N, C-alpha and C. Protein backbone atom coordinates (compact mmCIF):
# COMPACT_ATOMS: atom_id res chain seq x y z
N MET A 1 18.37 28.49 -5.87
CA MET A 1 18.57 29.83 -5.40
C MET A 1 19.35 29.75 -4.09
N THR A 2 20.38 30.55 -3.95
CA THR A 2 21.18 30.54 -2.73
C THR A 2 21.39 31.96 -2.24
N ASP A 3 21.56 32.08 -0.97
CA ASP A 3 21.90 33.35 -0.32
C ASP A 3 23.05 33.05 0.62
N SER A 4 23.73 34.07 0.99
CA SER A 4 24.74 33.91 2.02
C SER A 4 24.14 34.46 3.30
N ASP A 5 24.27 33.71 4.37
CA ASP A 5 23.68 34.08 5.65
C ASP A 5 24.73 33.99 6.73
N THR A 6 24.62 34.82 7.71
CA THR A 6 25.55 34.75 8.83
C THR A 6 24.77 34.23 10.02
N ASN A 7 25.32 33.19 10.70
CA ASN A 7 24.66 32.65 11.87
C ASN A 7 25.23 33.33 13.12
N ASP A 8 24.98 32.73 14.28
CA ASP A 8 25.43 33.32 15.54
C ASP A 8 26.93 33.52 15.59
N GLY A 9 27.69 32.64 14.97
CA GLY A 9 29.16 32.75 14.99
C GLY A 9 29.63 33.56 13.80
N ASP A 10 30.85 33.35 13.47
CA ASP A 10 31.45 34.10 12.38
C ASP A 10 31.39 33.36 11.04
N THR A 11 30.79 32.17 11.02
CA THR A 11 30.79 31.34 9.83
C THR A 11 29.63 31.70 8.91
N ASP A 12 29.92 31.94 7.65
CA ASP A 12 28.87 32.16 6.65
C ASP A 12 28.34 30.80 6.19
N ARG A 13 27.03 30.70 6.06
CA ARG A 13 26.42 29.48 5.55
C ARG A 13 25.64 29.80 4.31
N GLU A 14 25.64 28.90 3.41
CA GLU A 14 24.86 29.04 2.19
C GLU A 14 23.43 28.60 2.48
N ARG A 15 22.47 29.34 1.99
CA ARG A 15 21.07 28.99 2.16
C ARG A 15 20.57 28.43 0.83
N VAL A 16 19.90 27.29 0.89
CA VAL A 16 19.34 26.68 -0.31
C VAL A 16 17.83 26.58 -0.16
N SER A 17 17.14 26.58 -1.26
CA SER A 17 15.68 26.42 -1.20
C SER A 17 15.29 25.05 -1.72
N VAL A 18 14.18 24.57 -1.24
CA VAL A 18 13.66 23.27 -1.63
C VAL A 18 12.53 23.49 -2.62
N PRO A 19 12.51 22.75 -3.72
CA PRO A 19 11.44 22.94 -4.70
C PRO A 19 10.08 22.56 -4.12
N ASP A 20 9.03 23.17 -4.62
CA ASP A 20 7.67 22.86 -4.16
C ASP A 20 7.26 21.45 -4.54
N GLU A 21 7.77 20.96 -5.65
CA GLU A 21 7.40 19.64 -6.12
C GLU A 21 8.64 18.90 -6.61
N VAL A 22 8.74 17.63 -6.27
CA VAL A 22 9.86 16.81 -6.70
C VAL A 22 9.31 15.65 -7.50
N GLU A 23 9.86 15.42 -8.69
CA GLU A 23 9.42 14.27 -9.47
C GLU A 23 9.92 13.01 -8.79
N LEU A 24 9.04 12.05 -8.61
CA LEU A 24 9.36 10.83 -7.89
C LEU A 24 10.23 9.91 -8.75
N PRO A 25 11.44 9.61 -8.29
CA PRO A 25 12.26 8.66 -9.04
C PRO A 25 11.72 7.24 -8.87
N ARG A 26 11.94 6.39 -9.84
CA ARG A 26 11.43 5.02 -9.81
C ARG A 26 11.85 4.28 -8.54
N LEU A 27 13.05 4.54 -8.01
CA LEU A 27 13.50 3.84 -6.82
C LEU A 27 12.66 4.13 -5.59
N LEU A 28 11.97 5.27 -5.57
CA LEU A 28 11.15 5.63 -4.41
C LEU A 28 9.68 5.34 -4.64
N ASP A 29 9.36 4.57 -5.66
CA ASP A 29 7.97 4.21 -5.97
C ASP A 29 7.61 3.01 -5.10
N PHE A 30 6.61 3.14 -4.25
CA PHE A 30 6.26 2.09 -3.31
C PHE A 30 5.32 1.04 -3.88
N TYR A 31 4.87 1.20 -5.12
CA TYR A 31 3.98 0.25 -5.74
C TYR A 31 4.74 -0.50 -6.83
N GLU A 32 4.79 -1.82 -6.72
CA GLU A 32 5.60 -2.58 -7.65
C GLU A 32 5.00 -2.60 -9.05
N LEU A 33 5.86 -2.87 -10.01
CA LEU A 33 5.41 -3.06 -11.38
C LEU A 33 4.60 -4.35 -11.42
N GLN A 34 3.53 -4.39 -12.21
CA GLN A 34 2.53 -5.43 -12.03
C GLN A 34 2.34 -6.35 -13.24
N THR A 35 3.20 -6.28 -14.22
CA THR A 35 3.03 -7.12 -15.40
C THR A 35 3.75 -8.45 -15.23
N GLU A 36 3.43 -9.38 -16.10
CA GLU A 36 4.06 -10.70 -16.06
C GLU A 36 5.58 -10.60 -16.24
N ASP A 37 6.04 -9.60 -16.99
CA ASP A 37 7.48 -9.41 -17.18
C ASP A 37 8.17 -8.91 -15.91
N GLN A 38 7.42 -8.31 -14.99
CA GLN A 38 8.00 -7.67 -13.81
C GLN A 38 7.83 -8.43 -12.50
N THR A 39 6.78 -9.23 -12.39
CA THR A 39 6.53 -9.92 -11.12
C THR A 39 5.87 -11.26 -11.35
N ARG A 40 6.19 -12.21 -10.50
CA ARG A 40 5.59 -13.53 -10.63
C ARG A 40 4.23 -13.62 -9.93
N ILE A 41 3.80 -12.54 -9.28
CA ILE A 41 2.44 -12.52 -8.71
C ILE A 41 1.54 -11.58 -9.51
N HIS A 42 1.81 -11.45 -10.81
CA HIS A 42 1.02 -10.56 -11.67
C HIS A 42 -0.45 -10.91 -11.67
N GLU A 43 -0.78 -12.19 -11.44
CA GLU A 43 -2.19 -12.60 -11.44
C GLU A 43 -2.97 -11.91 -10.32
N PHE A 44 -2.31 -11.65 -9.19
CA PHE A 44 -2.95 -10.90 -8.10
C PHE A 44 -3.43 -9.54 -8.61
N TYR A 45 -2.56 -8.84 -9.35
CA TYR A 45 -2.90 -7.52 -9.87
C TYR A 45 -3.91 -7.61 -11.01
N ASP A 46 -3.81 -8.63 -11.84
CA ASP A 46 -4.80 -8.83 -12.90
C ASP A 46 -6.19 -9.01 -12.29
N ASN A 47 -6.26 -9.83 -11.24
CA ASN A 47 -7.53 -10.06 -10.55
C ASN A 47 -8.03 -8.78 -9.89
N LEU A 48 -7.12 -8.03 -9.27
CA LEU A 48 -7.50 -6.78 -8.62
C LEU A 48 -8.03 -5.78 -9.65
N ARG A 49 -7.41 -5.73 -10.81
CA ARG A 49 -7.88 -4.87 -11.90
C ARG A 49 -9.31 -5.23 -12.29
N ASP A 50 -9.65 -6.52 -12.17
CA ASP A 50 -11.01 -6.99 -12.47
C ASP A 50 -11.95 -6.86 -11.28
N GLY A 51 -11.47 -6.26 -10.19
CA GLY A 51 -12.31 -6.04 -9.01
C GLY A 51 -12.33 -7.20 -8.03
N ARG A 52 -11.43 -8.15 -8.19
CA ARG A 52 -11.36 -9.32 -7.30
C ARG A 52 -10.12 -9.24 -6.42
N LEU A 53 -10.30 -9.36 -5.11
CA LEU A 53 -9.19 -9.45 -4.18
C LEU A 53 -8.89 -10.93 -4.00
N THR A 54 -7.67 -11.34 -4.34
CA THR A 54 -7.31 -12.75 -4.29
C THR A 54 -5.98 -12.92 -3.56
N THR A 55 -5.68 -14.16 -3.26
CA THR A 55 -4.37 -14.52 -2.73
C THR A 55 -4.08 -15.95 -3.11
N THR A 56 -2.95 -16.47 -2.67
CA THR A 56 -2.58 -17.83 -3.04
C THR A 56 -2.87 -18.81 -1.91
N GLN A 57 -3.19 -20.03 -2.34
CA GLN A 57 -3.39 -21.14 -1.41
C GLN A 57 -2.61 -22.33 -1.96
N CYS A 58 -1.92 -23.01 -1.07
CA CYS A 58 -1.11 -24.16 -1.46
C CYS A 58 -2.00 -25.37 -1.70
N ARG A 59 -1.84 -26.00 -2.84
CA ARG A 59 -2.62 -27.20 -3.15
C ARG A 59 -2.09 -28.42 -2.39
N ASP A 60 -0.84 -28.36 -1.92
CA ASP A 60 -0.26 -29.49 -1.20
C ASP A 60 -0.67 -29.54 0.26
N CYS A 61 -0.63 -28.39 0.95
CA CYS A 61 -0.92 -28.39 2.39
C CYS A 61 -2.12 -27.52 2.76
N ASP A 62 -2.77 -26.89 1.79
CA ASP A 62 -3.97 -26.06 1.99
C ASP A 62 -3.71 -24.74 2.71
N GLU A 63 -2.45 -24.39 2.96
CA GLU A 63 -2.14 -23.13 3.65
C GLU A 63 -2.51 -21.94 2.76
N LEU A 64 -3.18 -20.97 3.37
CA LEU A 64 -3.57 -19.74 2.69
C LEU A 64 -2.55 -18.67 3.04
N HIS A 65 -2.11 -17.88 2.05
CA HIS A 65 -1.06 -16.89 2.28
C HIS A 65 -1.52 -15.50 1.87
N PHE A 66 -1.16 -14.51 2.63
CA PHE A 66 -1.28 -13.13 2.18
C PHE A 66 -0.08 -12.38 2.71
N PRO A 67 0.64 -11.70 1.85
CA PRO A 67 0.39 -11.49 0.43
C PRO A 67 0.62 -12.77 -0.37
N PRO A 68 0.19 -12.76 -1.64
CA PRO A 68 0.36 -13.95 -2.48
C PRO A 68 1.83 -14.35 -2.57
N ARG A 69 2.06 -15.63 -2.73
CA ARG A 69 3.43 -16.17 -2.77
C ARG A 69 3.62 -16.99 -4.05
N ILE A 70 4.86 -17.31 -4.32
CA ILE A 70 5.16 -18.23 -5.43
C ILE A 70 5.65 -19.57 -4.89
N VAL A 71 6.01 -19.60 -3.58
CA VAL A 71 6.40 -20.82 -2.89
C VAL A 71 5.71 -20.81 -1.53
N CYS A 72 5.16 -21.92 -1.13
CA CYS A 72 4.48 -22.01 0.16
C CYS A 72 5.49 -21.94 1.30
N PRO A 73 5.32 -20.98 2.23
CA PRO A 73 6.26 -20.88 3.34
C PRO A 73 6.10 -22.01 4.37
N GLU A 74 5.00 -22.76 4.30
CA GLU A 74 4.77 -23.86 5.25
C GLU A 74 5.45 -25.15 4.79
N CYS A 75 5.21 -25.54 3.52
CA CYS A 75 5.72 -26.83 3.06
C CYS A 75 6.75 -26.70 1.93
N THR A 76 7.05 -25.46 1.53
CA THR A 76 7.98 -25.12 0.44
C THR A 76 7.55 -25.66 -0.91
N GLY A 77 6.28 -26.06 -1.04
CA GLY A 77 5.77 -26.49 -2.33
C GLY A 77 5.51 -25.28 -3.22
N ASP A 78 5.44 -25.54 -4.53
CA ASP A 78 5.17 -24.44 -5.45
C ASP A 78 3.90 -24.67 -6.27
N ASP A 79 3.03 -25.57 -5.79
CA ASP A 79 1.76 -25.81 -6.45
C ASP A 79 0.70 -24.93 -5.76
N LEU A 80 0.64 -23.68 -6.20
CA LEU A 80 -0.25 -22.69 -5.57
C LEU A 80 -1.33 -22.27 -6.56
N GLU A 81 -2.49 -21.94 -6.02
CA GLU A 81 -3.58 -21.43 -6.85
C GLU A 81 -4.12 -20.15 -6.25
N TYR A 82 -4.68 -19.29 -7.10
CA TYR A 82 -5.29 -18.06 -6.63
C TYR A 82 -6.72 -18.34 -6.20
N VAL A 83 -7.08 -17.84 -5.01
CA VAL A 83 -8.43 -17.99 -4.47
C VAL A 83 -8.96 -16.62 -4.09
N ASP A 84 -10.27 -16.48 -4.16
CA ASP A 84 -10.91 -15.20 -3.83
C ASP A 84 -10.93 -14.98 -2.33
N LEU A 85 -10.76 -13.72 -1.95
CA LEU A 85 -10.90 -13.29 -0.56
C LEU A 85 -12.17 -12.46 -0.45
N PRO A 86 -12.75 -12.39 0.74
CA PRO A 86 -13.93 -11.53 0.92
C PRO A 86 -13.59 -10.07 0.63
N HIS A 87 -14.56 -9.33 0.16
CA HIS A 87 -14.38 -7.90 -0.10
C HIS A 87 -14.82 -7.07 1.10
N GLU A 88 -15.34 -7.73 2.10
CA GLU A 88 -15.78 -7.04 3.31
C GLU A 88 -15.12 -7.66 4.52
N GLY A 89 -14.79 -6.80 5.47
CA GLY A 89 -14.16 -7.27 6.69
C GLY A 89 -14.41 -6.28 7.80
N GLU A 90 -13.60 -6.38 8.84
CA GLU A 90 -13.76 -5.43 9.95
C GLU A 90 -12.40 -4.97 10.44
N LEU A 91 -12.40 -3.80 11.05
CA LEU A 91 -11.16 -3.24 11.57
C LEU A 91 -10.70 -4.04 12.77
N PHE A 92 -9.49 -4.55 12.68
CA PHE A 92 -8.88 -5.29 13.78
C PHE A 92 -8.07 -4.33 14.65
N ALA A 93 -7.39 -3.40 14.00
CA ALA A 93 -6.60 -2.36 14.66
C ALA A 93 -6.39 -1.25 13.65
N PHE A 94 -6.18 -0.02 14.13
CA PHE A 94 -5.93 1.07 13.19
C PHE A 94 -5.16 2.18 13.88
N SER A 95 -4.56 3.01 13.07
CA SER A 95 -3.79 4.14 13.56
C SER A 95 -3.89 5.27 12.54
N GLU A 96 -3.48 6.44 12.97
CA GLU A 96 -3.50 7.59 12.08
C GLU A 96 -2.07 8.06 11.83
N VAL A 97 -1.72 8.24 10.58
CA VAL A 97 -0.43 8.80 10.22
C VAL A 97 -0.60 10.31 10.19
N ARG A 98 0.11 11.00 11.05
CA ARG A 98 -0.05 12.46 11.14
C ARG A 98 1.11 13.22 10.54
N GLY A 99 2.21 12.56 10.35
CA GLY A 99 3.39 13.21 9.78
C GLY A 99 4.39 12.18 9.36
N GLY A 100 5.33 12.60 8.57
CA GLY A 100 6.39 11.70 8.18
C GLY A 100 6.01 10.72 7.09
N ALA A 101 5.03 11.07 6.26
CA ALA A 101 4.71 10.19 5.13
C ALA A 101 5.93 10.12 4.23
N PRO A 102 6.22 8.94 3.73
CA PRO A 102 7.43 8.79 2.90
C PRO A 102 7.41 9.69 1.67
N LEU A 103 8.57 10.13 1.27
CA LEU A 103 8.74 10.95 0.08
C LEU A 103 8.10 10.24 -1.10
N GLY A 104 7.33 10.96 -1.87
CA GLY A 104 6.73 10.39 -3.06
C GLY A 104 5.31 9.93 -2.86
N LEU A 105 4.87 9.79 -1.64
CA LEU A 105 3.48 9.39 -1.42
C LEU A 105 2.62 10.64 -1.34
N SER A 106 2.61 11.40 -2.41
CA SER A 106 1.93 12.69 -2.40
C SER A 106 0.42 12.54 -2.25
N GLU A 107 -0.13 11.38 -2.65
CA GLU A 107 -1.58 11.21 -2.47
C GLU A 107 -1.92 10.97 -1.01
N HIS A 108 -0.90 10.75 -0.19
CA HIS A 108 -1.12 10.51 1.23
C HIS A 108 -0.97 11.81 2.01
N GLU A 109 -1.85 12.73 1.78
CA GLU A 109 -1.80 13.95 2.58
C GLU A 109 -2.17 13.57 4.00
N VAL A 110 -1.33 13.97 4.93
CA VAL A 110 -1.59 13.62 6.32
C VAL A 110 -2.64 14.55 6.89
N PRO A 111 -3.44 14.07 7.82
CA PRO A 111 -3.44 12.71 8.36
C PRO A 111 -4.21 11.73 7.45
N PHE A 112 -3.84 10.45 7.56
CA PHE A 112 -4.61 9.38 6.93
C PHE A 112 -4.57 8.16 7.84
N VAL A 113 -5.53 7.25 7.64
CA VAL A 113 -5.69 6.10 8.52
C VAL A 113 -5.14 4.85 7.83
N VAL A 114 -4.37 4.07 8.59
CA VAL A 114 -3.93 2.75 8.16
C VAL A 114 -4.47 1.74 9.17
N ALA A 115 -4.72 0.52 8.70
CA ALA A 115 -5.38 -0.45 9.57
C ALA A 115 -4.97 -1.87 9.26
N ALA A 116 -5.18 -2.72 10.25
CA ALA A 116 -5.18 -4.17 10.04
C ALA A 116 -6.65 -4.53 9.84
N VAL A 117 -6.96 -5.11 8.68
CA VAL A 117 -8.33 -5.45 8.34
C VAL A 117 -8.49 -6.96 8.39
N ASP A 118 -9.43 -7.43 9.21
CA ASP A 118 -9.71 -8.86 9.35
C ASP A 118 -10.75 -9.25 8.31
N LEU A 119 -10.33 -10.07 7.35
CA LEU A 119 -11.25 -10.54 6.32
C LEU A 119 -11.78 -11.93 6.63
N GLY A 120 -11.41 -12.50 7.77
CA GLY A 120 -11.79 -13.86 8.10
C GLY A 120 -10.64 -14.81 7.83
N PRO A 121 -10.44 -15.18 6.57
CA PRO A 121 -9.34 -16.10 6.27
C PRO A 121 -7.96 -15.48 6.46
N VAL A 122 -7.83 -14.17 6.26
CA VAL A 122 -6.55 -13.47 6.43
C VAL A 122 -6.79 -12.11 7.07
N THR A 123 -5.76 -11.58 7.69
CA THR A 123 -5.76 -10.20 8.16
C THR A 123 -4.66 -9.49 7.39
N LEU A 124 -5.00 -8.36 6.80
CA LEU A 124 -4.02 -7.63 5.99
C LEU A 124 -3.99 -6.17 6.39
N SER A 125 -2.93 -5.50 6.01
CA SER A 125 -2.82 -4.08 6.30
C SER A 125 -3.27 -3.29 5.07
N ALA A 126 -3.89 -2.15 5.32
CA ALA A 126 -4.41 -1.34 4.21
C ALA A 126 -4.67 0.07 4.70
N ARG A 127 -4.70 0.97 3.75
CA ARG A 127 -5.15 2.33 4.03
C ARG A 127 -6.67 2.32 4.09
N ILE A 128 -7.23 3.14 4.98
CA ILE A 128 -8.68 3.29 5.07
C ILE A 128 -9.01 4.67 4.53
N ASP A 129 -9.75 4.71 3.44
CA ASP A 129 -10.12 5.97 2.81
C ASP A 129 -11.46 6.46 3.35
N ASP A 130 -11.71 7.74 3.15
CA ASP A 130 -13.00 8.36 3.46
C ASP A 130 -13.39 8.27 4.92
N ALA A 131 -12.41 8.31 5.81
CA ALA A 131 -12.68 8.31 7.25
C ALA A 131 -11.48 8.90 7.97
N SER A 132 -11.77 9.56 9.08
CA SER A 132 -10.69 10.02 9.94
C SER A 132 -10.62 9.09 11.15
N TYR A 133 -9.54 9.19 11.87
CA TYR A 133 -9.31 8.35 13.04
C TYR A 133 -10.49 8.39 14.01
N GLY A 134 -11.01 9.59 14.27
CA GLY A 134 -12.10 9.75 15.22
C GLY A 134 -13.42 9.16 14.77
N ASP A 135 -13.53 8.85 13.47
CA ASP A 135 -14.77 8.27 12.93
C ASP A 135 -14.83 6.76 13.11
N LEU A 136 -13.72 6.14 13.49
CA LEU A 136 -13.61 4.67 13.44
C LEU A 136 -13.53 4.05 14.82
N GLU A 137 -13.96 2.78 14.88
CA GLU A 137 -13.82 1.95 16.08
C GLU A 137 -13.41 0.56 15.67
N ILE A 138 -12.70 -0.13 16.56
CA ILE A 138 -12.35 -1.53 16.30
C ILE A 138 -13.65 -2.31 16.09
N GLY A 139 -13.65 -3.15 15.07
CA GLY A 139 -14.84 -3.94 14.74
C GLY A 139 -15.71 -3.30 13.68
N ASP A 140 -15.45 -2.04 13.30
CA ASP A 140 -16.25 -1.39 12.26
C ASP A 140 -16.13 -2.17 10.95
N PRO A 141 -17.24 -2.30 10.23
CA PRO A 141 -17.19 -2.97 8.92
C PRO A 141 -16.56 -2.06 7.86
N VAL A 142 -15.76 -2.67 6.99
CA VAL A 142 -15.13 -1.96 5.88
C VAL A 142 -15.28 -2.80 4.62
N SER A 143 -15.19 -2.13 3.47
CA SER A 143 -15.28 -2.86 2.20
C SER A 143 -14.16 -2.44 1.27
N LEU A 144 -13.84 -3.34 0.35
CA LEU A 144 -12.75 -3.17 -0.59
C LEU A 144 -12.96 -1.97 -1.50
N LYS A 145 -11.88 -1.27 -1.78
CA LYS A 145 -11.86 -0.17 -2.74
C LYS A 145 -10.59 -0.35 -3.56
N VAL A 146 -10.73 -0.50 -4.87
CA VAL A 146 -9.57 -0.64 -5.75
C VAL A 146 -9.26 0.73 -6.33
N VAL A 147 -8.00 1.13 -6.25
CA VAL A 147 -7.59 2.44 -6.75
C VAL A 147 -6.54 2.27 -7.84
N GLU A 148 -6.53 3.20 -8.77
CA GLU A 148 -5.50 3.23 -9.79
C GLU A 148 -4.32 4.04 -9.27
N ILE A 149 -3.12 3.61 -9.60
CA ILE A 149 -1.90 4.25 -9.11
C ILE A 149 -1.27 5.05 -10.23
N ASP A 150 -1.09 6.34 -10.00
CA ASP A 150 -0.30 7.18 -10.90
C ASP A 150 1.12 7.15 -10.38
N GLY A 151 2.07 7.21 -11.27
CA GLY A 151 3.44 7.19 -10.79
C GLY A 151 4.43 7.38 -11.91
N PRO A 152 5.67 7.11 -11.61
CA PRO A 152 6.74 7.40 -12.56
C PRO A 152 6.91 6.33 -13.65
N THR A 153 5.86 5.58 -13.93
CA THR A 153 5.91 4.60 -15.02
C THR A 153 4.70 4.83 -15.91
N ASP A 154 4.77 4.32 -17.12
CA ASP A 154 3.64 4.43 -18.04
C ASP A 154 2.70 3.24 -17.91
N GLU A 155 3.00 2.33 -17.01
CA GLU A 155 2.17 1.13 -16.85
C GLU A 155 0.95 1.43 -16.00
N GLU A 156 -0.16 0.78 -16.36
CA GLU A 156 -1.36 0.90 -15.54
C GLU A 156 -1.19 0.01 -14.31
N ARG A 157 -1.40 0.60 -13.14
CA ARG A 157 -1.25 -0.15 -11.91
C ARG A 157 -2.45 0.11 -11.00
N VAL A 158 -2.74 -0.86 -10.15
CA VAL A 158 -3.84 -0.77 -9.20
C VAL A 158 -3.35 -1.22 -7.83
N PHE A 159 -4.11 -0.88 -6.80
CA PHE A 159 -3.83 -1.38 -5.47
C PHE A 159 -5.14 -1.39 -4.69
N TYR A 160 -5.12 -2.03 -3.53
CA TYR A 160 -6.33 -2.14 -2.73
C TYR A 160 -6.28 -1.19 -1.54
N ARG A 161 -7.45 -0.73 -1.18
CA ARG A 161 -7.67 0.02 0.06
C ARG A 161 -9.04 -0.42 0.57
N PHE A 162 -9.42 0.10 1.70
CA PHE A 162 -10.75 -0.18 2.22
C PHE A 162 -11.41 1.14 2.61
N GLU A 163 -12.72 1.09 2.74
CA GLU A 163 -13.47 2.26 3.20
C GLU A 163 -14.61 1.78 4.10
N PRO A 164 -15.04 2.64 5.03
CA PRO A 164 -16.13 2.23 5.94
C PRO A 164 -17.41 1.93 5.15
N GLN A 165 -18.18 1.00 5.67
CA GLN A 165 -19.47 0.69 5.04
C GLN A 165 -20.55 1.61 5.53
């Protein structure tokens, strides 16, 4: 829908409207495809689907990596195995997103909390569900929450988040 509008000067400008809802194109999908055909870390997602948070550890140098890798960044070896991570940790740092959520993250109604979560062996970033910024303090205990991802693909996908204990 367009209208013609006159601004302060003599120039006419066309007015356009923005739709209430935009279908998310695949290029703006922030969650990767998770099958063996699409990613070499599919085992991470398979484990997550089963309720296990895992990552890779190098069998050559014992280095633990998060996110999971296919080559060890320490020794460049490729003999990696999946190991379990704790499902409970504590807030190392956190912030609140109040605006500017990326296009397509419609489930992220602002405000929402993002955090660095210390699991002991690794510290990872994650969304914190079921809490507002004012409810949280550094050191608060949190536990794993696996969520299903809806999106512009027909594939079943999952991802991890945390929630206060």
